[in-house]
Amino acid sequence: MTVHTREFGSALGHADYVKSLRPHLPREAFRPDPRSYLRIVLHLGIIIAGVLAFRVTSHVWWPVIGLLIGVNTAVLPFLAHDLSHRTIVTHRYLLYPTELVLWSLLFVPVTLWRRLHNAHHVHVNSDGDPDRAYLTSDSGLAPIITASLLDANRITRYLPFWVLYFVAYPIRHGIAALFFSGSPSFVTASPVTSLRDKITILLEILLMVAIQGLIAYLADGAYIWASVVPGLMASAASSWYFFTNHRLQRFHDSDDILASTTSVAVPGICDVLHSNFSYHTEHHLFPAMNSRYYPMVSRLLQAHFPDRYHRMPMAAAWSRLWRHPVLLSPNGGRAPAAEGPPREPASAIALAGVPEN
């Protein structure tokens, strides 16, 4: 059965979509998938082996080893993301330590990530979203500079600074969380307010520094190839998806997930490595779902909500992103449609699944 907007009125909410789709999904889709923990062990094992290999190989091989570590490090943000939604394991004594290791390798304090990502799910593409785009209504010079250098836009489209977005992300938000009581202009929202969170973030930063120091020691002079280059590759992989997730849809104040989110079509190997992160609309509808089932949700959306579901090839999504102005309009303006293939038409809820502690 196809559900059209007129059956619900002018707007649909999160609960409306879930009510329509949930009966068609199997129970196992909402159970943790501990098999993915084997992937974490595998990628960490390759990274550790690569770091140790620097001690016994010629300098000539360091770039090759660094790229191998980078490919595996670029998988970690997506596995850590799934962990934070408790879709892999739920045991607190396994969950937090694993997150701590993965996010530390990515230069991100775990507690900072949890608070930011929870706020993102609660306020997706609206005022309280720390991941929303800067708007023409945002005051000050910081939004213009930040958006010009780090966001995909038509002014600086030939400067690849967007790949550094997730290098700057924890720095900007870490400074905002630790040294400001509100939301400074260099971030769109800062949800970290409690003293306990700030102390925890500081302790996690100290552990992160210790882990990076250990990597530097083990890499025996190859720290740039062992951690810096892989960190840049992880940032590039995350940014590649990040800008397509919500920046192609209107800024809004409703909880209409389909109106605020875009899914993209990528090569199959990317979906395997990146835990189906390309199915981002599906993730926001069911954040506690095993990511293996996102393609099933995509098919259901195409069948039930063909006039609302947004999914397009990654190349088409980026073509539209490069047409964006530096600051977006808060009144619903979107980037011009890309030339070429159109988007694929689509022929209270667990809020975010991100643990508080």
Protein backbone atom coordinates (compact mmCIF):
# COMPACT_ATOMS: atom_id res chain seq x y z
CA MET A 1 0.00 0.00 0.00
CA THR A 2 1.30 3.45 -0.90
CA VAL A 3 0.76 6.16 1.70
CA HIS A 4 0.39 9.68 0.32
CA THR A 5 0.69 12.95 2.20
CA ARG A 6 -3.00 13.75 1.89
CA GLU A 7 -3.84 10.81 4.16
CA PHE A 8 -1.93 12.46 7.01
CA GLY A 9 -2.32 16.14 6.18
CA SER A 10 0.44 18.54 5.17
CA ALA A 11 3.10 17.14 7.48
CA LEU A 12 4.16 13.79 8.83
CA GLY A 13 6.00 13.14 12.06
CA HIS A 14 8.48 10.51 13.14
CA ALA A 15 5.74 8.48 14.82
CA ASP A 16 3.64 8.43 11.62
CA TYR A 17 6.44 6.81 9.63
CA VAL A 18 7.27 4.32 12.36
CA LYS A 19 3.60 3.36 12.75
CA SER A 20 3.38 2.59 9.03
CA LEU A 21 6.67 0.72 8.67
CA ARG A 22 7.27 -1.07 11.96
CA PRO A 23 4.72 -3.89 11.37
CA HIS A 24 6.61 -4.89 8.21
CA LEU A 25 9.98 -5.31 9.96
CA PRO A 26 11.16 -8.50 11.69
CA ARG A 27 11.89 -8.53 15.42
CA GLU A 28 15.52 -9.50 14.88
CA ALA A 29 16.11 -6.17 13.13
CA PHE A 30 15.97 -4.52 16.55
CA ARG A 31 18.27 -6.93 18.35
CA PRO A 32 21.99 -6.20 18.86
CA ASP A 33 24.28 -7.80 16.31
CA PRO A 34 27.36 -8.97 18.25
CA ARG A 35 28.85 -10.39 15.05
CA SER A 36 29.85 -6.84 14.18
CA TYR A 37 32.16 -6.92 17.18
CA LEU A 38 34.31 -9.34 15.20
CA ARG A 39 34.70 -6.60 12.59
CA ILE A 40 35.91 -4.23 15.29
CA VAL A 41 38.47 -6.77 16.45
CA LEU A 42 39.58 -7.41 12.87
CA HIS A 43 40.09 -3.75 11.98
CA LEU A 44 41.83 -2.97 15.26
CA GLY A 45 44.07 -5.99 14.74
CA ILE A 46 45.11 -4.76 11.30
CA ILE A 47 45.77 -1.27 12.68
CA ILE A 48 47.91 -2.61 15.54
CA ALA A 49 49.83 -4.90 13.18
CA GLY A 50 50.42 -1.98 10.84
CA VAL A 51 51.74 0.25 13.65
CA LEU A 52 54.15 -2.48 14.77
CA ALA A 53 55.23 -3.09 11.16
CA PHE A 54 56.80 0.39 11.04
CA ARG A 55 59.48 -0.84 13.44
CA VAL A 56 60.67 -3.63 11.14
CA THR A 57 60.19 -2.22 7.63
CA SER A 58 62.07 0.19 5.43
CA HIS A 59 60.91 3.83 5.17
CA VAL A 60 59.99 3.10 1.57
CA TRP A 61 57.05 1.00 2.76
CA TRP A 62 55.75 3.47 5.30
CA PRO A 63 53.27 5.19 2.93
CA VAL A 64 51.81 1.80 1.92
CA ILE A 65 51.45 0.73 5.55
CA GLY A 66 49.99 4.13 6.43
CA LEU A 67 47.35 3.83 3.71
CA LEU A 68 46.47 0.30 4.89
CA ILE A 69 46.03 1.60 8.43
CA GLY A 70 44.03 4.52 7.02
CA VAL A 71 41.56 2.29 5.16
CA ASN A 72 40.87 0.38 8.38
CA THR A 73 40.76 3.52 10.53
CA ALA A 74 38.20 5.03 8.12
CA VAL A 75 35.85 2.16 9.02
CA LEU A 76 36.00 2.92 12.75
CA PRO A 77 33.69 6.00 12.81
CA PHE A 78 30.83 3.91 11.44
CA LEU A 79 31.40 1.02 13.83
CA ALA A 80 31.75 3.44 16.76
CA HIS A 81 28.54 5.12 15.62
CA ASP A 82 26.69 1.80 15.67
CA LEU A 83 28.16 1.05 19.09
CA SER A 84 26.86 4.35 20.45
CA HIS A 85 23.35 3.34 19.36
CA ARG A 86 23.78 -0.02 21.11
CA THR A 87 23.11 -1.98 17.95
CA ILE A 88 26.23 -4.16 18.38
CA VAL A 89 26.49 -4.78 22.12
CA THR A 90 24.57 -3.46 25.11
CA HIS A 91 26.70 -4.58 28.05
CA ARG A 92 27.93 -1.36 29.68
CA TYR A 93 31.29 -2.87 30.72
CA LEU A 94 32.01 -3.77 27.11
CA LEU A 95 30.27 -0.87 25.41
CA TYR A 96 32.02 2.13 26.97
CA PRO A 97 35.60 0.74 26.91
CA THR A 98 35.23 -0.22 23.26
CA GLU A 99 33.84 3.20 22.36
CA LEU A 100 36.68 4.77 24.32
CA VAL A 101 39.30 2.97 22.23
CA LEU A 102 37.62 3.59 18.86
CA TRP A 103 36.85 7.27 19.41
CA SER A 104 40.29 7.91 20.93
CA LEU A 105 41.89 6.63 17.73
CA LEU A 106 39.72 9.21 15.95
CA PHE A 107 40.65 12.07 18.34
CA VAL A 108 37.10 12.33 19.71
CA PRO A 109 36.16 12.18 23.44
CA VAL A 110 33.35 9.64 23.86
CA THR A 111 31.15 11.73 26.16
CA LEU A 112 31.40 14.72 23.81
CA TRP A 113 30.32 12.51 20.91
CA ARG A 114 27.39 11.05 22.85
CA ARG A 115 26.01 14.44 23.85
CA LEU A 116 26.42 15.91 20.38
CA HIS A 117 24.97 12.94 18.57
CA ASN A 118 22.01 12.63 20.91
CA ALA A 119 21.22 16.32 20.36
CA HIS A 120 21.53 15.77 16.61
CA HIS A 121 18.90 13.02 16.66
CA VAL A 122 16.56 14.98 18.90
CA HIS A 123 16.81 18.25 16.93
CA VAL A 124 17.70 16.96 13.47
CA ASN A 125 18.23 19.82 11.00
CA SER A 126 16.65 22.36 13.35
CA ASP A 127 17.87 24.99 15.78
CA GLY A 128 19.26 22.71 18.48
CA ASP A 129 21.14 20.45 16.05
CA PRO A 130 24.93 20.75 16.50
CA ASP A 131 25.34 19.26 13.00
CA ARG A 132 23.06 21.67 11.11
CA ALA A 133 24.35 24.05 8.47
CA TYR A 134 25.07 27.68 9.25
CA LEU A 135 22.26 30.02 8.23
CA THR A 136 22.06 33.61 7.07
CA SER A 137 20.34 34.32 10.39
CA ASP A 138 23.43 33.24 12.37
CA SER A 139 25.27 36.35 13.51
CA GLY A 140 28.99 37.03 13.68
CA LEU A 141 32.04 36.41 11.55
CA ALA A 142 32.72 32.88 12.89
CA PRO A 143 29.81 31.24 11.00
CA ILE A 144 30.97 32.74 7.69
CA ILE A 145 34.60 31.68 8.20
CA THR A 146 33.70 28.20 9.47
CA ALA A 147 31.16 27.53 6.71
CA SER A 148 33.48 28.92 4.01
CA LEU A 149 36.39 26.72 5.02
CA LEU A 150 34.72 23.51 6.19
CA ASP A 151 31.33 23.22 4.48
CA ALA A 152 30.70 22.16 0.89
CA ASN A 153 29.74 25.34 -1.00
CA ARG A 154 30.06 26.97 -4.40
CA ILE A 155 32.62 29.59 -3.30
CA THR A 156 35.36 27.25 -2.08
CA ARG A 157 34.35 24.16 -4.03
CA TYR A 158 37.86 23.63 -5.42
CA LEU A 159 39.49 23.78 -1.98
CA PRO A 160 39.31 20.34 -0.33
CA PHE A 161 39.03 21.67 3.21
CA TRP A 162 35.73 19.82 3.66
CA VAL A 163 37.73 16.62 4.21
CA LEU A 164 38.98 18.21 7.46
CA TYR A 165 35.47 18.72 8.83
CA PHE A 166 35.78 15.91 11.36
CA VAL A 167 39.27 16.98 12.33
CA ALA A 168 37.90 20.39 13.33
CA TYR A 169 34.62 18.95 14.71
CA PRO A 170 35.89 17.66 18.09
CA ILE A 171 38.19 20.67 18.49
CA ARG A 172 35.41 23.22 17.95
CA HIS A 173 32.88 21.39 20.08
CA GLY A 174 35.44 20.46 22.74
CA ILE A 175 36.37 24.13 23.21
CA ALA A 176 32.69 25.10 23.27
CA ALA A 177 31.90 22.42 25.86
CA LEU A 178 34.81 23.09 28.19
CA PHE A 179 35.21 26.87 28.04
CA PHE A 180 31.77 28.32 27.23
CA SER A 181 28.53 28.21 29.18
CA GLY A 182 26.30 28.57 26.11
CA SER A 183 26.73 28.01 22.39
CA PRO A 184 29.49 30.21 20.93
CA SER A 185 29.16 31.33 17.33
CA PHE A 186 31.75 28.85 16.02
CA VAL A 187 29.31 25.96 16.71
CA THR A 188 25.62 25.78 15.88
CA ALA A 189 24.68 24.22 19.23
CA SER A 190 26.55 23.03 22.34
CA PRO A 191 24.56 20.49 24.38
CA VAL A 192 27.25 19.82 27.02
CA THR A 193 26.23 21.67 30.18
CA SER A 194 26.93 19.56 33.28
CA LEU A 195 30.17 19.77 35.28
CA ARG A 196 30.28 15.97 35.39
CA ASP A 197 30.30 15.78 31.60
CA LYS A 198 33.07 18.38 31.37
CA ILE A 199 35.28 16.51 33.86
CA THR A 200 34.63 13.23 32.04
CA ILE A 201 35.55 14.82 28.71
CA LEU A 202 38.80 16.13 30.20
CA LEU A 203 39.69 12.66 31.50
CA GLU A 204 38.87 11.13 28.10
CA ILE A 205 41.12 13.69 26.42
CA LEU A 206 43.96 12.67 28.75
CA LEU A 207 43.44 9.01 27.85
CA MET A 208 43.29 9.96 24.17
CA VAL A 209 46.63 11.74 24.49
CA ALA A 210 48.09 8.68 26.24
CA ILE A 211 46.88 6.37 23.45
CA GLN A 212 48.33 8.67 20.81
CA GLY A 213 51.60 8.77 22.76
CA LEU A 214 51.70 4.98 22.78
CA ILE A 215 51.12 4.91 19.02
CA ALA A 216 53.96 7.40 18.53
CA TYR A 217 56.26 5.21 20.62
CA LEU A 218 55.33 1.98 18.85
CA ALA A 219 55.49 3.53 15.38
CA ASP A 220 59.14 4.41 15.97
CA GLY A 221 59.28 7.68 14.01
CA ALA A 222 56.35 6.98 11.69
CA TYR A 223 53.62 8.65 13.79
CA ILE A 224 52.39 10.75 10.87
CA TRP A 225 51.76 7.60 8.82
CA ALA A 226 50.52 5.64 11.83
CA SER A 227 47.93 8.11 13.13
CA VAL A 228 47.78 11.50 11.41
CA VAL A 229 47.22 10.25 7.85
CA PRO A 230 44.72 7.58 8.98
CA GLY A 231 42.89 10.24 11.00
CA LEU A 232 42.62 12.43 7.91
CA MET A 233 41.33 9.48 5.89
CA ALA A 234 38.69 8.76 8.54
CA SER A 235 37.64 12.42 8.50
CA ALA A 236 37.36 12.38 4.70
CA ALA A 237 35.22 9.21 4.73
CA SER A 238 32.89 10.59 7.39
CA SER A 239 32.62 13.98 5.67
CA TRP A 240 31.85 12.33 2.35
CA TYR A 241 28.57 11.11 3.85
CA PHE A 242 27.96 13.84 6.43
CA PHE A 243 27.20 16.71 4.07
CA THR A 244 24.76 14.64 2.03
CA ASN A 245 22.83 13.45 5.11
CA HIS A 246 20.90 16.64 5.89
CA ARG A 247 22.35 19.57 3.94
CA LEU A 248 20.26 18.85 0.85
CA GLN A 249 16.96 19.32 2.67
CA ARG A 250 15.28 22.33 4.22
CA PHE A 251 16.03 23.68 7.68
CA HIS A 252 12.84 23.09 9.68
CA ASP A 253 11.35 22.77 13.15
CA SER A 254 9.26 19.61 12.76
CA ASP A 255 10.16 15.98 13.36
CA ASP A 256 9.50 14.96 9.75
CA ILE A 257 12.55 12.78 9.21
CA LEU A 258 11.97 12.31 5.49
CA ALA A 259 11.75 16.07 5.00
CA SER A 260 15.12 16.63 6.68
CA THR A 261 17.26 13.70 5.57
CA THR A 262 18.72 12.24 2.37
CA SER A 263 19.95 8.72 1.69
CA VAL A 264 22.56 8.15 -1.00
CA ALA A 265 23.47 5.29 -3.32
CA VAL A 266 27.14 4.24 -3.09
CA PRO A 267 29.15 1.24 -4.37
CA GLY A 268 28.36 -1.95 -2.51
CA ILE A 269 31.83 -2.21 -0.98
CA CYS A 270 31.25 1.13 0.73
CA ASP A 271 28.01 -0.13 2.29
CA VAL A 272 29.85 -3.22 3.54
CA LEU A 273 32.76 -1.26 5.02
CA HIS A 274 30.68 1.64 6.34
CA SER A 275 27.80 -0.30 7.90
CA ASN A 276 25.16 0.92 5.45
CA PHE A 277 25.65 4.50 6.60
CA SER A 278 24.47 5.63 3.17
CA TYR A 279 20.94 4.70 4.29
CA HIS A 280 20.75 7.71 6.57
CA THR A 281 17.02 8.38 6.43
CA GLU A 282 16.47 4.80 7.49
CA HIS A 283 18.86 5.24 10.42
CA HIS A 284 17.05 8.32 11.69
CA LEU A 285 13.71 6.57 11.53
CA PHE A 286 15.02 3.55 13.46
CA PRO A 287 18.23 4.58 15.26
CA ALA A 288 18.29 1.42 17.40
CA MET A 289 17.99 -0.89 14.38
CA ASN A 290 20.69 -3.30 13.20
CA SER A 291 22.15 -1.50 10.16
CA ARG A 292 22.01 -4.72 8.10
CA TYR A 293 18.25 -4.10 7.78
CA TYR A 294 18.43 -0.53 6.43
CA PRO A 295 18.03 -1.70 2.80
CA MET A 296 14.76 -3.37 3.83
CA VAL A 297 13.54 -0.08 5.31
CA SER A 298 14.58 1.69 2.11
CA ARG A 299 12.40 -0.63 0.04
CA LEU A 300 9.49 -0.06 2.41
CA LEU A 301 9.91 3.70 2.14
CA GLN A 302 9.92 3.48 -1.64
CA ALA A 303 6.69 1.49 -1.50
CA HIS A 304 4.87 3.45 1.23
CA PHE A 305 6.12 7.02 0.84
CA PRO A 306 7.15 7.46 -2.82
CA ASP A 307 6.52 11.21 -2.80
CA ARG A 308 8.53 11.95 0.34
CA TYR A 309 11.57 9.66 0.37
CA HIS A 310 14.85 11.17 -0.89
CA ARG A 311 17.55 8.88 -2.24
CA MET A 312 20.04 9.74 -4.96
CA PRO A 313 23.47 8.69 -6.26
CA MET A 314 26.35 10.11 -4.22
CA ALA A 315 27.71 11.99 -7.27
CA ALA A 316 24.37 13.73 -7.80
CA ALA A 317 24.20 14.65 -4.12
CA TRP A 318 27.64 16.27 -4.21
CA SER A 319 26.80 18.05 -7.46
CA ARG A 320 23.99 19.76 -5.58
CA LEU A 321 26.15 20.46 -2.54
CA TRP A 322 28.68 22.34 -4.69
CA ARG A 323 25.87 24.70 -5.70
CA HIS A 324 25.18 25.74 -2.10
CA PRO A 325 25.86 29.28 -0.90
CA VAL A 326 28.16 29.62 2.11
CA LEU A 327 25.23 30.31 4.44
CA LEU A 328 21.87 28.66 3.83
CA SER A 329 18.50 30.33 4.12
CA PRO A 330 16.45 29.57 7.26
CA ASN A 331 13.30 30.04 5.18
CA GLY A 332 13.50 26.75 3.34
CA GLY A 333 15.80 27.51 0.43
CA ARG A 334 17.59 24.50 -1.04
CA ALA A 335 20.38 24.05 -3.53
CA PRO A 336 19.36 23.95 -7.20
CA ALA A 337 18.67 20.49 -8.53
CA ALA A 338 21.66 18.85 -10.09
CA GLU A 339 21.78 18.25 -13.81
CA GLY A 340 21.79 14.64 -14.83
CA PRO A 341 20.07 11.69 -13.16
CA PRO A 342 17.25 12.76 -10.83
CA ARG A 343 16.86 11.41 -7.35
CA GLU A 344 15.41 7.93 -7.07
CA PRO A 345 11.70 8.27 -6.37
CA ALA A 346 10.49 6.06 -3.69
CA SER A 347 8.31 3.58 -6.03
CA ALA A 348 7.31 8.34 21.30
CA ILE A 349 9.95 6.56 19.59
CA ALA A 350 13.39 5.42 20.80
CA LEU A 351 14.78 8.91 20.54
CA ALA A 352 18.33 8.29 19.56
CA GLY A 353 19.48 5.07 21.11
CA VAL A 354 22.54 6.88 22.43
CA PRO A 355 23.29 5.99 26.03
CA GLU A 356 23.52 8.79 28.56
CA ASN A 357 26.26 7.16 30.60
